[in-house]
Amino acid sequence: MPVLAIGVSHHQASADQLIRFAACGKQALDELRALPGVHGVIELATCNRYELYIDTDQFHSTKRQANRLLNEAGAGELLGLVDPLAARNAVEHLLRVAAGLESMVVGEPEIVGQVRHALNASHDKISPALRRLFQLALSTAKQIAAGTSLGSVGRNLATVALDLAEERQGPLVDRKVLLLGTGSYAGAVTADLTKRGAQIFVYSGSGRAQAFARSHEVTAITDQQLPAAIGSVAAVVSCSGLGRHALTPEQVVAVSAERSSQLTIIDLALGRDVDPLLADVPGVDLIDLDEIGRHAPAEHAETMAAANRVVTAAVEEYLEAERGRLADPAVRAMREHVNAIIDNEIKSVAARATPEVSAAVARSLRRVAGVLLHTPSLRAAELARGGDPAEVNRAIETVFGVKVDA
């Protein structure tokens, strides 16, 4: 399967650059899906990467056109950060991403859910080949999670950020923490804060705070209570991902007189939930994705090696299976040819025999055809995996006298 991966991550770009590139990618997405030779596109957007996985049979043309569309959307110099990956490299990259091997915090568990969301969100805009690839990525991630100790300590972006906050201002036990946002990541943050013994308050501009508070046994904050909450908490953790600032310098400065200690603000959103100018407000310690990246721990080399072995084996197995699928047009032509002969014979028998006899003959002929075609179908796939699929096409055309539409 010719797959092309185009994107940037925390490895190449800052948080602001990621935000800009993601906006350009979203703007170009519909036109990219409409390009000649493109059979499907999946958009993978997380807090530290934005990538497009493209099923195309015109690799070089699609790459050029994708760059053109991204440039027209405003990517400009950001395209210099992109290292397009194709075929085996693209497959291996996605499997590593889904397993958390390419995450800012290696082994973080949230990424597999984000890959699953990307697949589900694009379900009607992708090809069977892309669906198989993403399903493989999910199953490989599950295998690595079950068979290695990667991420077994449960560290993720929130864990690293909260560890950093406690390192700077002491334990959060019995201290108030305000959570901005009620999305899927908010649940992981709440679980971490609960383990630390914090008093958790939640606010949502969308009005979902009450429902979230009931399901997670925390306290909801209303619009009217928000200023007082900002003035009294030890930390604010923002992960709403709304694409606009959920917390501004003006909001913090307005309650600064009520504060007697430092306010730690953690921004976990790719789109910057928090105005970066808050870093300049006296008494504020802003921890954003760039800061988290500088403090993310390295994973144990032996564990990484074990996970990499799983990825390598999965890539080889997948590519072999996909090569076998190159024989599908030939196998389909062979089966259609034989089935057409069988259908004609069944019609001939039906014209001169009773319905009972005709049905029995039809069952017998189809059963025999299935048996006879089984081995040639398997051999065709084997030959395609081990050599040139065109040879398989020529063999079917020669033996059966049919034209294979490759």
Protein backbone atom coordinates (compact mmCIF):
# COMPACT_ATOMS: atom_id res chain seq x y z
CA MET A 1 0.00 0.00 0.00
CA PRO A 2 1.51 3.36 -0.99
CA VAL A 3 1.04 5.41 2.18
CA LEU A 4 2.47 8.89 2.65
CA ALA A 5 2.81 10.55 6.07
CA ILE A 6 3.20 14.33 6.28
CA GLY A 7 3.40 16.17 9.58
CA VAL A 8 5.37 17.73 12.40
CA SER A 9 5.69 16.95 16.09
CA HIS A 10 7.42 18.19 19.22
CA HIS A 11 10.61 16.65 17.82
CA GLN A 12 10.81 19.33 15.10
CA ALA A 13 8.55 22.17 16.19
CA SER A 14 7.64 24.37 19.12
CA ALA A 15 4.07 24.46 20.44
CA ASP A 16 3.33 27.66 18.50
CA GLN A 17 4.66 26.16 15.28
CA LEU A 18 2.55 23.05 15.84
CA ILE A 19 -0.53 25.20 16.30
CA ARG A 20 0.14 27.03 13.03
CA PHE A 21 0.86 23.86 11.07
CA ALA A 22 -2.27 22.14 12.41
CA ALA A 23 -4.40 25.10 11.32
CA CYS A 24 -2.90 24.91 7.83
CA GLY A 25 -3.45 21.16 7.66
CA LYS A 26 -7.09 21.46 8.62
CA GLN A 27 -7.59 24.17 6.01
CA ALA A 28 -6.03 22.03 3.26
CA LEU A 29 -7.66 18.73 4.28
CA ASP A 30 -10.71 18.70 1.99
CA GLU A 31 -8.70 19.66 -1.10
CA LEU A 32 -6.07 17.07 -0.23
CA ARG A 33 -8.71 14.35 -0.10
CA ALA A 34 -9.91 15.41 -3.56
CA LEU A 35 -6.49 15.11 -5.25
CA PRO A 36 -6.16 12.60 -8.14
CA GLY A 37 -4.74 9.30 -6.95
CA VAL A 38 -5.66 9.93 -3.29
CA HIS A 39 -7.94 7.21 -1.91
CA GLY A 40 -8.17 8.42 1.68
CA VAL A 41 -6.64 10.67 4.35
CA ILE A 42 -6.57 10.35 8.13
CA GLU A 43 -5.78 13.40 10.27
CA LEU A 44 -3.96 12.66 13.53
CA ALA A 45 -3.93 15.67 15.86
CA THR A 46 -2.64 15.42 19.43
CA CYS A 47 -1.21 17.85 21.94
CA ASN A 48 2.29 17.39 20.53
CA ARG A 49 1.87 16.39 16.88
CA TYR A 50 -0.15 17.01 13.73
CA GLU A 51 0.12 14.43 10.96
CA LEU A 52 -1.73 13.47 7.78
CA TYR A 53 -1.67 9.85 6.60
CA ILE A 54 -2.49 9.59 2.90
CA ASP A 55 -3.31 6.51 0.81
CA THR A 56 -2.11 7.40 -2.68
CA ASP A 57 -0.95 5.59 -5.80
CA GLN A 58 0.78 8.75 -7.06
CA PHE A 59 3.34 9.35 -4.32
CA HIS A 60 5.52 12.07 -5.87
CA SER A 61 2.59 13.99 -7.35
CA THR A 62 0.63 13.80 -4.09
CA LYS A 63 3.64 14.98 -2.10
CA ARG A 64 4.07 18.01 -4.37
CA GLN A 65 0.38 18.85 -4.33
CA ALA A 66 0.16 18.44 -0.54
CA ASN A 67 3.06 20.87 -0.10
CA ARG A 68 1.34 23.30 -2.46
CA LEU A 69 -1.94 23.13 -0.55
CA LEU A 70 -0.21 23.55 2.82
CA ASN A 71 1.78 26.47 1.49
CA GLU A 72 -1.36 28.15 0.15
CA ALA A 73 -2.94 27.63 3.59
CA GLY A 74 -0.07 29.58 5.14
CA ALA A 75 2.41 26.90 6.23
CA GLY A 76 5.25 28.66 4.40
CA GLU A 77 8.55 28.17 6.20
CA LEU A 78 7.01 25.47 8.42
CA LEU A 79 7.23 23.10 5.45
CA GLY A 80 10.97 23.04 6.10
CA LEU A 81 10.22 21.18 9.34
CA VAL A 82 8.31 18.42 7.54
CA ASP A 83 10.08 15.15 6.76
CA PRO A 84 7.63 13.17 4.59
CA LEU A 85 7.62 9.42 5.19
CA ALA A 86 6.57 6.82 2.65
CA ALA A 87 5.70 3.11 2.53
CA ARG A 88 7.61 1.12 5.20
CA ASN A 89 8.86 4.25 6.97
CA ALA A 90 5.34 5.68 7.24
CA VAL A 91 3.94 2.38 8.54
CA GLU A 92 6.68 2.03 11.16
CA HIS A 93 6.26 5.65 12.23
CA LEU A 94 2.54 5.30 12.88
CA LEU A 95 3.07 2.12 14.89
CA ARG A 96 5.69 3.89 17.01
CA VAL A 97 3.41 6.89 17.49
CA ALA A 98 0.45 4.74 18.59
CA ALA A 99 2.62 2.84 21.07
CA GLY A 100 3.85 6.07 22.64
CA LEU A 101 7.42 5.56 21.44
CA GLU A 102 7.43 8.98 19.75
CA SER A 103 5.57 10.83 22.50
CA MET A 104 6.97 13.71 24.48
CA VAL A 105 6.58 11.45 27.51
CA VAL A 106 7.55 8.03 26.16
CA GLY A 107 4.89 5.39 26.78
CA GLU A 108 2.15 7.87 27.72
CA PRO A 109 -1.18 6.00 27.53
CA GLU A 110 -3.38 8.75 26.05
CA ILE A 111 -1.91 8.53 22.54
CA VAL A 112 -3.56 5.21 21.68
CA GLY A 113 -6.97 6.77 22.39
CA GLN A 114 -6.08 9.71 20.16
CA VAL A 115 -5.11 7.34 17.32
CA ARG A 116 -8.39 5.47 17.78
CA HIS A 117 -10.30 8.77 17.69
CA ALA A 118 -8.51 9.76 14.46
CA LEU A 119 -9.59 6.48 12.86
CA ASN A 120 -13.19 6.76 14.03
CA ALA A 121 -13.49 10.44 13.10
CA SER A 122 -12.39 9.70 9.52
CA HIS A 123 -14.37 6.46 9.09
CA ASP A 124 -16.22 7.60 5.96
CA LYS A 125 -13.26 9.38 4.36
CA ILE A 126 -10.62 6.66 4.35
CA SER A 127 -9.64 3.66 2.25
CA PRO A 128 -9.67 0.03 3.41
CA ALA A 129 -5.87 0.16 3.34
CA LEU A 130 -5.71 3.08 5.79
CA ARG A 131 -8.26 1.40 8.02
CA ARG A 132 -6.12 -1.76 8.14
CA LEU A 133 -3.02 0.31 8.91
CA PHE A 134 -4.60 2.19 11.81
CA GLN A 135 -6.15 -0.99 13.20
CA LEU A 136 -2.70 -2.55 13.10
CA ALA A 137 -1.29 0.46 14.96
CA LEU A 138 -3.90 0.05 17.70
CA SER A 139 -3.35 -3.71 18.06
CA THR A 140 0.44 -3.26 18.12
CA ALA A 141 0.14 -0.60 20.82
CA LYS A 142 -2.00 -2.99 22.86
CA GLN A 143 0.56 -5.77 22.41
CA ILE A 144 3.39 -3.49 23.56
CA ALA A 145 1.41 -2.28 26.57
CA ALA A 146 0.67 -5.87 27.61
CA GLY A 147 4.07 -7.37 26.80
CA THR A 148 6.54 -4.71 27.96
CA SER A 149 6.93 -2.34 30.89
CA LEU A 150 6.73 0.70 28.61
CA GLY A 151 4.72 3.36 30.38
CA SER A 152 3.94 1.00 33.25
CA VAL A 153 4.49 3.76 35.77
CA GLY A 154 1.59 5.61 34.16
CA ARG A 155 3.46 8.80 33.31
CA ASN A 156 1.90 11.18 30.83
CA LEU A 157 2.04 14.89 30.05
CA ALA A 158 -0.16 15.76 33.01
CA THR A 159 1.94 13.65 35.36
CA VAL A 160 5.16 15.34 34.28
CA ALA A 161 3.56 18.80 34.57
CA LEU A 162 2.12 18.13 38.01
CA ASP A 163 5.41 16.63 39.20
CA LEU A 164 7.10 19.82 38.03
CA ALA A 165 4.50 21.96 39.83
CA GLU A 166 5.02 20.06 43.10
CA GLU A 167 8.78 20.29 42.70
CA ARG A 168 8.49 24.08 42.51
CA GLN A 169 5.81 24.82 45.09
CA GLY A 170 5.45 21.71 47.24
CA PRO A 171 2.91 18.84 47.41
CA LEU A 172 -0.64 19.45 46.22
CA VAL A 173 -2.18 17.35 48.97
CA ASP A 174 -5.17 19.20 50.53
CA ARG A 175 -4.56 22.17 48.23
CA LYS A 176 -7.09 23.52 45.74
CA VAL A 177 -6.61 22.95 42.01
CA LEU A 178 -8.87 24.37 39.30
CA LEU A 179 -9.39 22.30 36.16
CA LEU A 180 -10.47 24.16 33.01
CA GLY A 181 -12.16 21.80 30.55
CA THR A 182 -14.12 18.56 30.71
CA GLY A 183 -12.83 16.60 27.70
CA SER A 184 -11.24 13.17 27.64
CA TYR A 185 -7.88 14.46 28.90
CA ALA A 186 -9.59 16.14 31.85
CA GLY A 187 -10.46 12.70 33.20
CA ALA A 188 -6.79 11.65 33.22
CA VAL A 189 -5.80 14.90 34.96
CA THR A 190 -8.52 14.42 37.57
CA ALA A 191 -7.35 10.87 38.29
CA ASP A 192 -3.77 12.09 38.78
CA LEU A 193 -4.82 14.97 41.03
CA THR A 194 -6.98 12.62 43.09
CA LYS A 195 -3.97 10.37 43.73
CA ARG A 196 -2.08 13.44 44.94
CA GLY A 197 -4.84 14.30 47.41
CA ALA A 198 -5.74 17.65 45.87
CA GLN A 199 -9.10 19.38 46.24
CA ILE A 200 -10.36 19.53 42.67
CA PHE A 201 -12.64 22.18 41.19
CA VAL A 202 -13.77 22.13 37.56
CA TYR A 203 -15.00 24.87 35.24
CA SER A 204 -16.30 24.56 31.70
CA GLY A 205 -17.36 27.41 29.44
CA SER A 206 -19.55 24.92 27.57
CA GLY A 207 -21.68 24.24 30.64
CA ARG A 208 -20.57 20.63 31.17
CA ALA A 209 -18.90 21.20 34.52
CA GLN A 210 -21.86 19.96 36.59
CA ALA A 211 -22.09 16.64 34.76
CA PHE A 212 -18.32 16.15 34.92
CA ALA A 213 -18.28 16.99 38.63
CA ARG A 214 -20.98 14.39 39.37
CA SER A 215 -19.23 11.62 37.44
CA HIS A 216 -15.77 12.36 38.88
CA GLU A 217 -16.77 13.41 42.42
CA VAL A 218 -15.25 16.89 42.21
CA THR A 219 -16.70 20.38 42.69
CA ALA A 220 -18.15 22.36 39.77
CA ILE A 221 -17.50 26.10 39.42
CA THR A 222 -19.98 28.52 37.83
CA ASP A 223 -19.19 31.62 35.79
CA GLN A 224 -19.88 33.77 38.85
CA GLN A 225 -17.55 31.67 41.04
CA LEU A 226 -14.66 31.56 38.56
CA PRO A 227 -12.85 34.78 39.63
CA ALA A 228 -12.85 33.78 43.29
CA ALA A 229 -11.63 30.31 42.38
CA ILE A 230 -8.69 31.73 40.39
CA GLY A 231 -7.85 33.86 43.40
CA SER A 232 -7.83 30.96 45.86
CA VAL A 233 -6.36 27.90 44.12
CA ALA A 234 -2.73 26.77 44.17
CA ALA A 235 -2.79 25.68 40.55
CA VAL A 236 -4.86 25.87 37.37
CA VAL A 237 -4.73 23.04 34.85
CA SER A 238 -6.21 23.90 31.46
CA CYS A 239 -7.02 21.26 28.83
CA SER A 240 -10.22 22.42 27.14
CA GLY A 241 -8.70 22.48 23.64
CA LEU A 242 -11.27 24.98 22.41
CA GLY A 243 -8.78 26.85 20.25
CA ARG A 244 -9.15 30.07 22.25
CA HIS A 245 -7.76 31.31 25.54
CA ALA A 246 -9.61 29.94 28.55
CA LEU A 247 -7.46 32.01 30.89
CA THR A 248 -6.05 35.50 30.31
CA PRO A 249 -3.66 37.86 32.18
CA GLU A 250 -6.57 40.18 32.91
CA GLN A 251 -8.43 37.43 34.78
CA VAL A 252 -5.41 36.65 36.96
CA VAL A 253 -4.39 40.26 37.59
CA ALA A 254 -7.95 41.10 38.64
CA VAL A 255 -7.67 38.74 41.63
CA SER A 256 -3.95 39.16 42.36
CA ALA A 257 -4.69 41.17 45.51
CA GLU A 258 -6.49 38.14 46.95
CA ARG A 259 -3.48 35.88 46.43
CA SER A 260 -0.66 35.42 48.94
CA SER A 261 1.25 32.69 47.12
CA GLN A 262 2.45 31.72 43.65
CA LEU A 263 -0.12 30.51 41.12
CA THR A 264 1.00 27.61 38.94
CA ILE A 265 -0.77 27.48 35.59
CA ILE A 266 -0.44 24.32 33.45
CA ASP A 267 -1.47 24.49 29.80
CA LEU A 268 -1.88 21.02 28.25
CA ALA A 269 -3.63 22.06 25.03
CA LEU A 270 -1.96 22.15 21.61
CA GLY A 271 -4.04 25.22 20.71
CA ARG A 272 -2.88 27.09 23.83
CA ASP A 273 -5.74 27.30 26.29
CA VAL A 274 -3.76 29.88 28.24
CA ASP A 275 -2.55 33.25 26.99
CA PRO A 276 1.29 33.00 26.84
CA LEU A 277 1.52 36.53 28.25
CA LEU A 278 0.58 35.03 31.62
CA ALA A 279 4.24 34.02 31.92
CA ASP A 280 5.02 37.72 32.46
CA VAL A 281 2.47 38.24 35.25
CA PRO A 282 4.16 38.53 38.68
CA GLY A 283 3.47 35.54 40.93
CA VAL A 284 2.58 33.22 38.02
CA ASP A 285 4.54 30.11 37.03
CA LEU A 286 3.36 29.03 33.56
CA ILE A 287 4.07 25.45 32.54
CA ASP A 288 3.23 24.84 28.88
CA LEU A 289 3.97 21.98 26.46
CA ASP A 290 7.42 23.34 25.61
CA GLU A 291 8.33 23.43 29.31
CA ILE A 292 6.95 19.92 29.83
CA GLY A 293 9.04 18.66 26.92
CA ARG A 294 12.21 19.96 28.52
CA HIS A 295 11.49 17.96 31.67
CA ALA A 296 10.10 14.75 30.13
CA PRO A 297 11.98 11.67 31.37
CA ALA A 298 13.86 9.19 29.19
CA GLU A 299 12.56 5.63 29.11
CA HIS A 300 14.70 2.61 30.02
CA ALA A 301 16.78 1.44 27.03
CA GLU A 302 15.93 -2.25 27.49
CA THR A 303 12.21 -1.53 27.56
CA MET A 304 12.49 0.60 24.44
CA ALA A 305 14.38 -2.19 22.66
CA ALA A 306 11.64 -4.70 23.51
CA ALA A 307 8.94 -2.35 22.22
CA ASN A 308 10.92 -1.68 19.04
CA ARG A 309 11.17 -5.42 18.36
CA VAL A 310 7.39 -5.71 18.53
CA VAL A 311 7.02 -2.81 16.10
CA THR A 312 9.55 -4.26 13.64
CA ALA A 313 7.82 -7.67 13.62
CA ALA A 314 4.40 -6.05 13.12
CA VAL A 315 5.67 -3.92 10.22
CA GLU A 316 7.16 -6.96 8.45
CA GLU A 317 3.98 -8.99 8.90
CA TYR A 318 1.83 -6.11 7.68
CA LEU A 319 3.92 -5.36 4.60
CA GLU A 320 3.95 -9.03 3.63
CA ALA A 321 0.16 -9.20 3.92
CA GLU A 322 -0.23 -6.01 1.87
CA ARG A 323 2.05 -7.39 -0.85
CA GLY A 324 -0.21 -10.43 -0.98
CA ARG A 325 -3.18 -8.15 -1.53
CA LEU A 326 -1.61 -7.00 -4.78
CA ALA A 327 -2.82 -10.31 -6.23
CA ASP A 328 -6.45 -9.43 -5.41
CA PRO A 329 -7.31 -8.12 -8.92
CA ALA A 330 -5.98 -11.32 -10.52
CA VAL A 331 -7.77 -13.55 -8.03
CA ARG A 332 -10.98 -11.58 -8.49
CA ALA A 333 -10.76 -11.89 -12.30
CA MET A 334 -10.12 -15.63 -12.01
CA ARG A 335 -13.07 -16.18 -9.67
CA GLU A 336 -15.44 -14.03 -11.73
CA HIS A 337 -14.47 -15.99 -14.85
CA VAL A 338 -15.07 -19.37 -13.24
CA ASN A 339 -18.27 -18.23 -11.50
CA ALA A 340 -19.65 -16.98 -14.84
CA ILE A 341 -19.11 -20.46 -16.32
CA ILE A 342 -20.77 -22.04 -13.29
CA ASP A 343 -23.75 -19.65 -13.53
CA ASN A 344 -24.27 -20.51 -17.20
CA GLU A 345 -24.20 -24.22 -16.45
CA ILE A 346 -26.68 -23.80 -13.59
CA LYS A 347 -29.05 -21.93 -15.92
CA SER A 348 -28.72 -24.75 -18.48
CA VAL A 349 -29.54 -27.39 -15.89
CA ALA A 350 -32.48 -25.37 -14.56
CA ALA A 351 -34.00 -25.27 -18.05
CA ARG A 352 -34.31 -29.06 -18.25
CA ALA A 353 -34.43 -30.35 -14.68
CA THR A 354 -36.71 -30.09 -11.67
CA PRO A 355 -36.10 -27.26 -9.16
CA GLU A 356 -34.83 -29.81 -6.61
CA VAL A 357 -32.29 -31.30 -9.02
CA SER A 358 -31.28 -27.84 -10.24
CA ALA A 359 -30.63 -26.62 -6.67
CA ALA A 360 -28.58 -29.73 -5.86
CA VAL A 361 -26.46 -29.30 -9.00
CA ALA A 362 -25.92 -25.59 -8.19
CA ARG A 363 -24.71 -26.40 -4.68
CA SER A 364 -22.39 -29.10 -6.00
CA LEU A 365 -20.90 -26.93 -8.74
CA ARG A 366 -20.28 -23.99 -6.42
CA ARG A 367 -18.68 -26.25 -3.82
CA VAL A 368 -16.37 -27.82 -6.42
CA ALA A 369 -15.50 -24.38 -7.85
CA GLY A 370 -14.61 -23.14 -4.37
CA VAL A 371 -12.33 -26.08 -3.75
CA LEU A 372 -10.63 -25.79 -7.14
CA LEU A 373 -10.04 -22.03 -6.78
CA HIS A 374 -8.78 -22.16 -3.19
CA THR A 375 -5.21 -23.28 -3.91
CA PRO A 376 -4.69 -21.02 -6.96
CA SER A 377 -5.92 -18.05 -4.87
CA LEU A 378 -3.45 -18.82 -2.07
CA ARG A 379 -0.61 -19.38 -4.52
CA ALA A 380 -1.35 -16.08 -6.26
CA ALA A 381 -1.06 -14.23 -2.94
CA GLU A 382 2.17 -16.07 -2.10
CA LEU A 383 3.69 -15.19 -5.47
CA ALA A 384 2.66 -11.55 -5.08
CA ARG A 385 4.30 -11.39 -1.64
CA GLY A 386 7.51 -12.90 -2.95
CA GLY A 387 7.86 -11.28 -6.34
CA ASP A 388 6.29 -9.18 -9.06
CA PRO A 389 2.45 -9.01 -8.93
CA ALA A 390 2.51 -8.41 -12.68
CA GLU A 391 3.73 -11.98 -13.09
CA VAL A 392 0.64 -13.19 -11.24
CA ASN A 393 -1.57 -11.16 -13.55
CA ARG A 394 0.13 -12.58 -16.64
CA ALA A 395 -0.21 -16.13 -15.32
CA ILE A 396 -3.97 -15.75 -14.68
CA GLU A 397 -4.47 -14.11 -18.06
CA THR A 398 -2.56 -16.93 -19.80
CA VAL A 399 -4.25 -19.83 -18.01
CA PHE A 400 -7.83 -18.50 -17.94
CA GLY A 401 -7.82 -16.18 -20.93
CA VAL A 402 -9.15 -13.23 -18.94
CA LYS A 403 -8.01 -9.61 -18.68
CA VAL A 404 -6.85 -8.53 -15.23
CA ASP A 405 -7.61 -4.91 -14.36
CA ALA A 406 -4.73 -4.12 -12.01
